[in-house]
C-alpha atoms as a PDB file:
ATOM      1  CA  UNK A   1      87.960  92.592 144.026  1.00  0.00           C
ATOM      2  CA  UNK A   2      84.419  92.356 145.396  1.00  0.00           C
ATOM      3  CA  UNK A   3      83.518  92.069 149.049  1.00  0.00           C
ATOM      4  CA  UNK A   4      80.203  90.542 150.091  1.00  0.00           C
ATOM      5  CA  UNK A   5      77.846  90.659 153.076  1.00  0.00           C
ATOM      6  CA  UNK A   6      75.749  87.664 154.006  1.00  0.00           C
ATOM      7  CA  UNK A   7      72.652  88.563 156.043  1.00  0.00           C
ATOM      8  CA  UNK A   8      72.240  86.573 159.266  1.00  0.00           C
ATOM      9  CA  UNK A   9      69.126  88.281 160.695  1.00  0.00           C
ATOM     10  CA  UNK A  10      66.503  90.728 159.509  1.00  0.00           C
ATOM     11  CA  UNK A  11      64.543  90.945 156.251  1.00  0.00           C
ATOM     12  CA  UNK A  12      67.586  89.928 154.114  1.00  0.00           C
ATOM     13  CA  UNK A  13      68.259  86.735 156.081  1.00  0.00           C
ATOM     14  CA  UNK A  14      70.268  84.291 153.900  1.00  0.00           C
ATOM     15  CA  UNK A  15      70.837  86.791 151.076  1.00  0.00           C
ATOM     16  CA  UNK A  16      74.181  88.184 149.925  1.00  0.00           C
ATOM     17  CA  UNK A  17      74.983  91.817 149.075  1.00  0.00           C
ATOM     18  CA  UNK A  18      77.972  92.660 146.855  1.00  0.00           C
ATOM     19  CA  UNK A  19      80.077  95.706 147.744  1.00  0.00           C
ATOM     20  CA  UNK A  20      81.859  97.046 144.659  1.00  0.00           C
ATOM     21  CA  UNK A  21      81.979 100.730 145.728  1.00  0.00           C
ATOM     22  CA  UNK A  22      81.235 102.972 148.710  1.00  0.00           C
ATOM     23  CA  UNK A  23      77.740 102.238 150.030  1.00  0.00           C
ATOM     24  CA  UNK A  24      75.312 104.060 152.332  1.00  0.00           C
ATOM     25  CA  UNK A  25      73.196 101.996 154.777  1.00  0.00           C
ATOM     26  CA  UNK A  26      70.026 103.437 156.298  1.00  0.00           C
ATOM     27  CA  UNK A  27      66.243 103.653 156.342  1.00  0.00           C
ATOM     28  CA  UNK A  28      66.106 106.496 153.748  1.00  0.00           C
ATOM     29  CA  UNK A  29      65.132 105.587 150.178  1.00  0.00           C
ATOM     30  CA  UNK A  30      68.304 107.183 148.794  1.00  0.00           C
ATOM     31  CA  UNK A  31      70.496 104.674 150.689  1.00  0.00           C
ATOM     32  CA  UNK A  32      72.347 101.978 148.708  1.00  0.00           C
ATOM     33  CA  UNK A  33      71.245  99.306 151.213  1.00  0.00           C
ATOM     34  CA  UNK A  34      67.792 100.157 152.559  1.00  0.00           C
ATOM     35  CA  UNK A  35      66.877  98.484 155.897  1.00  0.00           C
ATOM     36  CA  UNK A  36      63.193  98.900 156.720  1.00  0.00           C
ATOM     37  CA  UNK A  37      63.350  98.830 160.503  1.00  0.00           C
ATOM     38  CA  UNK A  38      62.474 101.416 163.163  1.00  0.00           C
ATOM     39  CA  UNK A  39      65.812 100.725 164.877  1.00  0.00           C
ATOM     40  CA  UNK A  40      67.768 101.899 161.837  1.00  0.00           C
ATOM     41  CA  UNK A  41      68.523 105.605 161.420  1.00  0.00           C
ATOM     42  CA  UNK A  42      67.836 107.375 158.122  1.00  0.00           C
ATOM     43  CA  UNK A  43      71.588 107.597 157.525  1.00  0.00           C
ATOM     44  CA  UNK A  44      72.884 104.845 159.795  1.00  0.00           C
ATOM     45  CA  UNK A  45      76.377 103.794 158.505  1.00  0.00           C
ATOM     46  CA  UNK A  46      78.565 103.485 155.431  1.00  0.00           C
ATOM     47  CA  UNK A  47      80.948 100.961 153.844  1.00  0.00           C
ATOM     48  CA  UNK A  48      84.171 102.387 152.381  1.00  0.00           C
ATOM     49  CA  UNK A  49      86.640 100.716 149.978  1.00  0.00           C
ATOM     50  CA  UNK A  50      90.246 101.818 150.530  1.00  0.00           C
ATOM     51  CA  UNK A  51      93.070 100.045 148.631  1.00  0.00           C
ATOM     52  CA  UNK A  52      90.957  96.860 148.220  1.00  0.00           C
ATOM     53  CA  UNK A  53      90.237  96.869 151.974  1.00  0.00           C
ATOM     54  CA  UNK A  54      86.707  97.211 153.409  1.00  0.00           C
ATOM     55  CA  UNK A  55      85.966  99.729 156.156  1.00  0.00           C
ATOM     56  CA  UNK A  56      82.763 100.458 158.049  1.00  0.00           C
ATOM     57  CA  UNK A  57      81.880 103.903 159.440  1.00  0.00           C
ATOM     58  CA  UNK A  58      79.094 104.832 161.859  1.00  0.00           C
ATOM     59  CA  UNK A  59      77.193 108.022 160.909  1.00  0.00           C
ATOM     60  CA  UNK A  60      76.166 108.995 164.457  1.00  0.00           C
ATOM     61  CA  UNK A  61      73.252 106.577 164.431  1.00  0.00           C
ATOM     62  CA  UNK A  62      70.825 106.320 167.352  1.00  0.00           C
ATOM     63  CA  UNK A  63      71.263 102.590 168.040  1.00  0.00           C
ATOM     64  CA  UNK A  64      74.896 102.341 166.922  1.00  0.00           C
ATOM     65  CA  UNK A  65      77.045 100.143 164.636  1.00  0.00           C
ATOM     66  CA  UNK A  66      78.850  97.069 166.016  1.00  0.00           C
ATOM     67  CA  UNK A  67      81.739  94.900 164.806  1.00  0.00           C
ATOM     68  CA  UNK A  68      81.959  91.538 166.574  1.00  0.00           C
ATOM     69  CA  UNK A  69      79.535  92.826 169.270  1.00  0.00           C
ATOM     70  CA  UNK A  70      81.702  95.923 169.948  1.00  0.00           C
ATOM     71  CA  UNK A  71      80.205  99.341 169.193  1.00  0.00           C
ATOM     72  CA  UNK A  72      82.507 101.492 167.084  1.00  0.00           C
ATOM     73  CA  UNK A  73      83.073 105.222 167.310  1.00  0.00           C
ATOM     74  CA  UNK A  74      85.550 105.556 164.457  1.00  0.00           C
ATOM     75  CA  UNK A  75      86.165 103.865 161.105  1.00  0.00           C
ATOM     76  CA  UNK A  76      86.862 100.155 161.466  1.00  0.00           C
ATOM     77  CA  UNK A  77      88.653  97.927 158.920  1.00  0.00           C
ATOM     78  CA  UNK A  78      86.881  94.632 158.411  1.00  0.00           C
ATOM     79  CA  UNK A  79      88.320  91.155 157.947  1.00  0.00           C
ATOM     80  CA  UNK A  80      86.951  87.962 156.538  1.00  0.00           C
ATOM     81  CA  UNK A  81      84.425  86.409 158.963  1.00  0.00           C
ATOM     82  CA  UNK A  82      83.705  89.607 160.954  1.00  0.00           C
ATOM     83  CA  UNK A  83      80.115  90.187 162.095  1.00  0.00           C
ATOM     84  CA  UNK A  84      78.800  93.691 161.338  1.00  0.00           C
ATOM     85  CA  UNK A  85      75.646  94.712 163.201  1.00  0.00           C
ATOM     86  CA  UNK A  86      73.379  97.716 162.543  1.00  0.00           C
ATOM     87  CA  UNK A  87      71.102  97.994 165.610  1.00  0.00           C
ATOM     88  CA  UNK A  88      69.847  94.358 165.734  1.00  0.00           C
ATOM     89  CA  UNK A  89      70.460  93.377 162.069  1.00  0.00           C
ATOM     90  CA  UNK A  90      73.638  91.336 161.561  1.00  0.00           C
ATOM     91  CA  UNK A  91      75.767  90.580 158.465  1.00  0.00           C
ATOM     92  CA  UNK A  92      78.675  88.208 157.951  1.00  0.00           C
ATOM     93  CA  UNK A  93      81.666  89.670 156.033  1.00  0.00           C
ATOM     94  CA  UNK A  94      83.067  87.594 153.131  1.00  0.00           C
ATOM     95  CA  UNK A  95      86.448  88.603 151.745  1.00  0.00           C
ATOM     96  CA  UNK A  96      87.152  88.343 147.981  1.00  0.00           C
ATOM     97  CA  UNK A  97      89.724  85.530 148.464  1.00  0.00           C
ATOM     98  CA  UNK A  98      87.191  83.377 150.283  1.00  0.00           C
ATOM     99  CA  UNK A  99      84.552  84.083 147.655  1.00  0.00           C
ATOM    100  CA  UNK A 100      86.912  82.911 144.891  1.00  0.00           C
ATOM    101  CA  UNK A 101      87.839  79.754 146.826  1.00  0.00           C
ATOM    102  CA  UNK A 102      84.146  78.946 147.371  1.00  0.00           C
ATOM    103  CA  UNK A 103      83.518  79.295 143.647  1.00  0.00           C
ATOM    104  CA  UNK A 104      86.493  77.066 142.802  1.00  0.00           C
ATOM    105  CA  UNK A 105      85.311  74.406 145.242  1.00  0.00           C
ATOM    106  CA  UNK A 106      81.770  74.460 143.810  1.00  0.00           C
ATOM    107  CA  UNK A 107      83.007  73.883 140.235  1.00  0.00           C
ATOM    108  CA  UNK A 108      83.851  70.183 139.717  1.00  0.00           C
ATOM    109  CA  UNK A 109      86.971  69.264 137.839  1.00  0.00           C
ATOM    110  CA  UNK A 110      86.414  67.779 134.419  1.00  0.00           C
ATOM    111  CA  UNK A 111      88.834  65.117 133.338  1.00  0.00           C
ATOM    112  CA  UNK A 112      89.751  65.227 129.686  1.00  0.00           C
ATOM    113  CA  UNK A 113      90.554  61.855 128.237  1.00  0.00           C
ATOM    114  CA  UNK A 114      93.231  61.771 125.548  1.00  0.00           C
ATOM    115  CA  UNK A 115      91.879  61.152 122.115  1.00  0.00           C
ATOM    116  CA  UNK A 116      93.447  58.158 120.512  1.00  0.00           C
ATOM    117  CA  UNK A 117      94.487  58.637 116.928  1.00  0.00           C
ATOM    118  CA  UNK A 118      92.704  56.402 114.496  1.00  0.00           C
ATOM    119  CA  UNK A 119      94.989  55.062 111.785  1.00  0.00           C
ATOM    120  CA  UNK A 120      93.158  54.300 108.594  1.00  0.00           C
ATOM    121  CA  UNK A 121      94.229  51.053 107.009  1.00  0.00           C
ATOM    122  CA  UNK A 122      94.510  50.897 103.231  1.00  0.00           C
ATOM    123  CA  UNK A 123      91.609  49.108 101.633  1.00  0.00           C
ATOM    124  CA  UNK A 124      92.750  46.026  99.749  1.00  0.00           C
ATOM    125  CA  UNK A 125      90.819  45.321  96.603  1.00  0.00           C
ATOM    126  CA  UNK A 126      90.079  41.687  95.703  1.00  0.00           C
ATOM    127  CA  UNK A 127      92.124  40.045  92.981  1.00  0.00           C
ATOM    128  CA  UNK A 128      89.039  39.674  90.755  1.00  0.00           C
ATOM    129  CA  UNK A 129      88.477  43.446  90.693  1.00  0.00           C
ATOM    130  CA  UNK A 130      92.137  44.068  89.794  1.00  0.00           C
ATOM    131  CA  UNK A 131      91.958  41.539  86.911  1.00  0.00           C
ATOM    132  CA  UNK A 132      88.767  43.140  85.566  1.00  0.00           C
ATOM    133  CA  UNK A 133      90.348  46.612  85.631  1.00  0.00           C
ATOM    134  CA  UNK A 134      93.420  45.348  83.725  1.00  0.00           C
ATOM    135  CA  UNK A 135      91.204  43.738  81.048  1.00  0.00           C
ATOM    136  CA  UNK A 136      89.277  47.002  80.578  1.00  0.00           C
ATOM    137  CA  UNK A 137      92.508  48.994  80.194  1.00  0.00           C
ATOM    138  CA  UNK A 138      93.749  46.522  77.522  1.00  0.00           C
ATOM    139  CA  UNK A 139      90.459  46.848  75.597  1.00  0.00           C
ATOM    140  CA  UNK A 140      90.664  50.676  75.678  1.00  0.00           C
ATOM    141  CA  UNK A 141      94.237  50.600  74.329  1.00  0.00           C
ATOM    142  CA  UNK A 142      93.223  48.289  71.448  1.00  0.00           C
ATOM    143  CA  UNK A 143      90.301  50.575  70.539  1.00  0.00           C
ATOM    144  CA  UNK A 144      92.600  53.642  70.431  1.00  0.00           C
ATOM    145  CA  UNK A 145      95.077  51.820  68.182  1.00  0.00           C
ATOM    146  CA  UNK A 146      92.311  50.778  65.749  1.00  0.00           C
ATOM    147  CA  UNK A 147      90.992  54.367  65.594  1.00  0.00           C
ATOM    148  CA  UNK A 148      94.484  55.659  64.799  1.00  0.00           C
ATOM    149  CA  UNK A 149      94.841  53.091  61.980  1.00  0.00           C
ATOM    150  CA  UNK A 150      91.480  54.049  60.507  1.00  0.00           C
ATOM    151  CA  UNK A 151      92.267  57.798  60.600  1.00  0.00           C
ATOM    152  CA  UNK A 152      94.020  58.551  57.301  1.00  0.00           C
ATOM    153  CA  UNK A 153      94.598  61.788  55.539  1.00  0.00           C
ATOM    154  CA  UNK A 154      92.488  62.853  52.592  1.00  0.00           C
ATOM    155  CA  UNK A 155      95.521  62.627  50.279  1.00  0.00           C
ATOM    156  CA  UNK A 156      96.161  59.035  51.276  1.00  0.00           C
ATOM    157  CA  UNK A 157      92.509  58.114  50.691  1.00  0.00           C
ATOM    158  CA  UNK A 158      92.541  59.787  47.233  1.00  0.00           C
ATOM    159  CA  UNK A 159      95.755  57.956  46.337  1.00  0.00           C
ATOM    160  CA  UNK A 160      94.158  54.650  47.332  1.00  0.00           C
ATOM    161  CA  UNK A 161      91.151  55.444  45.095  1.00  0.00           C
ATOM    162  CA  UNK A 162      93.396  55.901  42.016  1.00  0.00           C
ATOM    163  CA  UNK A 163      93.632  59.708  42.035  1.00  0.00           C
ATOM    164  CA  UNK A 164      97.207  61.026  41.876  1.00  0.00           C
ATOM    165  CA  UNK A 165      98.467  63.408  44.509  1.00  0.00           C
ATOM    166  CA  UNK A 166      99.066  67.090  43.801  1.00  0.00           C
ATOM    167  CA  UNK A 167     102.834  66.654  43.603  1.00  0.00           C
ATOM    168  CA  UNK A 168     102.578  63.935  40.947  1.00  0.00           C
ATOM    169  CA  UNK A 169      99.935  65.889  38.976  1.00  0.00           C
ATOM    170  CA  UNK A 170     101.999  69.091  38.914  1.00  0.00           C
ATOM    171  CA  UNK A 171     104.962  67.274  37.334  1.00  0.00           C
ATOM    172  CA  UNK A 172     102.875  66.407  34.202  1.00  0.00           C
ATOM    173  CA  UNK A 173     101.795  70.054  33.565  1.00  0.00           C
ATOM    174  CA  UNK A 174     104.153  72.136  31.372  1.00  0.00           C
ATOM    175  CA  UNK A 175     104.578  75.779  32.379  1.00  0.00           C
ATOM    176  CA  UNK A 176     105.720  78.774  30.331  1.00  0.00           C
ATOM    177  CA  UNK A 177     108.347  81.333  31.357  1.00  0.00           C
ATOM    178  CA  UNK A 178     105.631  83.401  33.012  1.00  0.00           C
ATOM    179  CA  UNK A 179     104.513  80.428  35.104  1.00  0.00           C
ATOM    180  CA  UNK A 180     101.296  79.846  33.130  1.00  0.00           C
ATOM    181  CA  UNK A 181     100.240  76.329  32.028  1.00  0.00           C
ATOM    182  CA  UNK A 182     100.697  75.791  28.234  1.00  0.00           C
ATOM    183  CA  UNK A 183      98.623  72.681  27.469  1.00  0.00           C
ATOM    184  CA  UNK A 184      95.408  73.746  29.145  1.00  0.00           C
ATOM    185  CA  UNK A 185      92.257  73.817  27.007  1.00  0.00           C
ATOM    186  CA  UNK A 186      90.065  76.950  27.098  1.00  0.00           C
ATOM    187  CA  UNK A 187      86.299  76.286  26.840  1.00  0.00           C
ATOM    188  CA  UNK A 188      84.548  77.978  23.896  1.00  0.00           C
ATOM    189  CA  UNK A 189      81.597  80.346  24.481  1.00  0.00           C
ATOM    190  CA  UNK A 190      78.089  79.198  23.630  1.00  0.00           C
ATOM    191  CA  UNK A 191      76.825  80.060  20.093  1.00  0.00           C
ATOM    192  CA  UNK A 192      74.546  83.115  19.664  1.00  0.00           C
ATOM    193  CA  UNK A 193      71.095  82.242  18.264  1.00  0.00           C
ATOM    194  CA  UNK A 194      70.261  83.500  14.752  1.00  0.00           C
ATOM    195  CA  UNK A 195      68.094  86.614  14.360  1.00  0.00           C
ATOM    196  CA  UNK A 196      69.499  88.449  17.399  1.00  0.00           C
ATOM    197  CA  UNK A 197      71.213  91.762  16.671  1.00  0.00           C
ATOM    198  CA  UNK A 198      73.631  92.577  19.492  1.00  0.00           C
ATOM    199  CA  UNK A 199      74.094  96.159  18.242  1.00  0.00           C
ATOM    200  CA  UNK A 200      70.363  96.973  18.180  1.00  0.00           C
ATOM    201  CA  UNK A 201      69.343  99.680  20.651  1.00  0.00           C
ATOM    202  CA  UNK A 202      66.521  98.989  23.041  1.00  0.00           C
ATOM    203  CA  UNK A 203      63.785 101.672  22.930  1.00  0.00           C
ATOM    204  CA  UNK A 204      62.780 102.896  26.338  1.00  0.00           C
ATOM    205  CA  UNK A 205      59.256 104.348  26.648  1.00  0.00           C
ATOM    206  CA  UNK A 206      59.095 107.048  29.309  1.00  0.00           C
ATOM    207  CA  UNK A 207      56.335 106.547  31.862  1.00  0.00           C
ATOM    208  CA  UNK A 208      53.770 109.315  32.122  1.00  0.00           C
ATOM    209  CA  UNK A 209      53.855 111.133  35.430  1.00  0.00           C
ATOM    210  CA  UNK A 210      50.498 111.568  37.217  1.00  0.00           C
ATOM    211  CA  UNK A 211      49.006 115.033  36.791  1.00  0.00           C
ATOM    212  CA  UNK A 212      48.831 117.142  39.909  1.00  0.00           C
ATOM    213  CA  UNK A 213      45.758 119.394  40.208  1.00  0.00           C
ATOM    214  CA  UNK A 214      46.625 123.083  40.114  1.00  0.00           C
ATOM    215  CA  UNK A 215      45.734 125.609  42.804  1.00  0.00           C
ATOM    216  CA  UNK A 216      43.024 127.197  40.607  1.00  0.00           C
ATOM    217  CA  UNK A 217      41.288 123.847  40.143  1.00  0.00           C
ATOM    218  CA  UNK A 218      41.363 123.261  43.874  1.00  0.00           C
ATOM    219  CA  UNK A 219      39.771 126.658  44.604  1.00  0.00           C
ATOM    220  CA  UNK A 220      36.984 126.044  42.063  1.00  0.00           C
ATOM    221  CA  UNK A 221      36.298 122.630  43.600  1.00  0.00           C
ATOM    222  CA  UNK A 222      36.085 124.185  47.086  1.00  0.00           C
ATOM    223  CA  UNK A 223      33.667 126.914  45.938  1.00  0.00           C
ATOM    224  CA  UNK A 224      31.490 124.296  44.246  1.00  0.00           C
ATOM    225  CA  UNK A 225      31.333 122.230  47.419  1.00  0.00           C
ATOM    226  CA  UNK A 226      30.503 125.337  49.509  1.00  0.00           C
ATOM    227  CA  UNK A 227      27.624 126.366  47.256  1.00  0.00           C
ATOM    228  CA  UNK A 228      26.173 122.853  47.318  1.00  0.00           C
ATOM    229  CA  UNK A 229      26.337 122.870  51.101  1.00  0.00           C
ATOM    230  CA  UNK A 230      24.540 126.242  51.354  1.00  0.00           C
ATOM    231  CA  UNK A 231      21.781 125.116  48.983  1.00  0.00           C
ATOM    232  CA  UNK A 232      21.297 121.969  51.041  1.00  0.00           C
ATOM    233  CA  UNK A 233      21.015 123.969  54.293  1.00  0.00           C
ATOM    234  CA  UNK A 234      18.491 126.419  52.822  1.00  0.00           C
ATOM    235  CA  UNK A 235      16.372 123.568  51.477  1.00  0.00           C
ATOM    236  CA  UNK A 236      16.326 121.876  54.870  1.00  0.00           C
ATOM    237  CA  UNK A 237      15.267 125.126  56.582  1.00  0.00           C
ATOM    238  CA  UNK A 238      12.401 125.669  54.116  1.00  0.00           C
ATOM    239  CA  UNK A 239      11.203 122.107  54.582  1.00  0.00           C
ATOM    240  CA  UNK A 240      11.299 122.552  58.359  1.00  0.00           C
ATOM    241  CA  UNK A 241       9.168 125.737  58.135  1.00  0.00           C
ATOM    242  CA  UNK A 242       6.623 124.073  55.881  1.00  0.00           C
ATOM    243  CA  UNK A 243       6.352 121.092  58.197  1.00  0.00           C
ATOM    244  CA  UNK A 244       5.879 123.374  61.193  1.00  0.00           C
ATOM    245  CA  UNK A 245       3.080 125.341  59.443  1.00  0.00           C
ATOM    246  CA  UNK A 246       1.439 122.142  58.324  1.00  0.00           C
ATOM    247  CA  UNK A 247       1.292 120.516  61.715  1.00  0.00           C
ATOM    248  CA  UNK A 248       0.301 123.741  63.462  1.00  0.00           C
END
């Protein structure tokens, strides 16, 4: 529950101050409600909350604290509509119940209209659309029946073409005791051309493996290359000396 003070005179004229806890009133900057007036003491008075009731207490101020124009010496319980005065600055006391009633009166009531239920009516299709749908269904059924008539098994198609089925063909084949057909012709192998001896052996010529140079041959080749390189270097040096002497 929150009490409020509505300023009647002074610098806070017309403003409201909420009291949610104990508050100190005075000219000092540490006060909860600072009143900048020379008439106000540094620690002038205090508001106290006791069991949801609001009390005011004078702190031995110079110019005194008044409730309904009567200076108080001890703690005073306040009621709704009381006038609290600190020196010459006055406040009107607003109780929590009055504050709530003022808020309720300021909020307008909103009327809620009942929402009528909308019943959807079934859509009636025209007779022409129904007749067209029935014709289409009859055409689809006829197409399915024709497809089923055309779908025949492979055995039935072969029988229609003059080829007997497997059951009728098996009855004409005679089988032995072992279950093998007896009157089945065996194809003869193709004749072998003349001049070909099947028992002749084919001569296989072994392929010659490439010769790998030995280690001795490699060393001789390296020495030969080294000597050629040395001779070339010496020749170049001699030519360089001759050219230097010539141009000098």
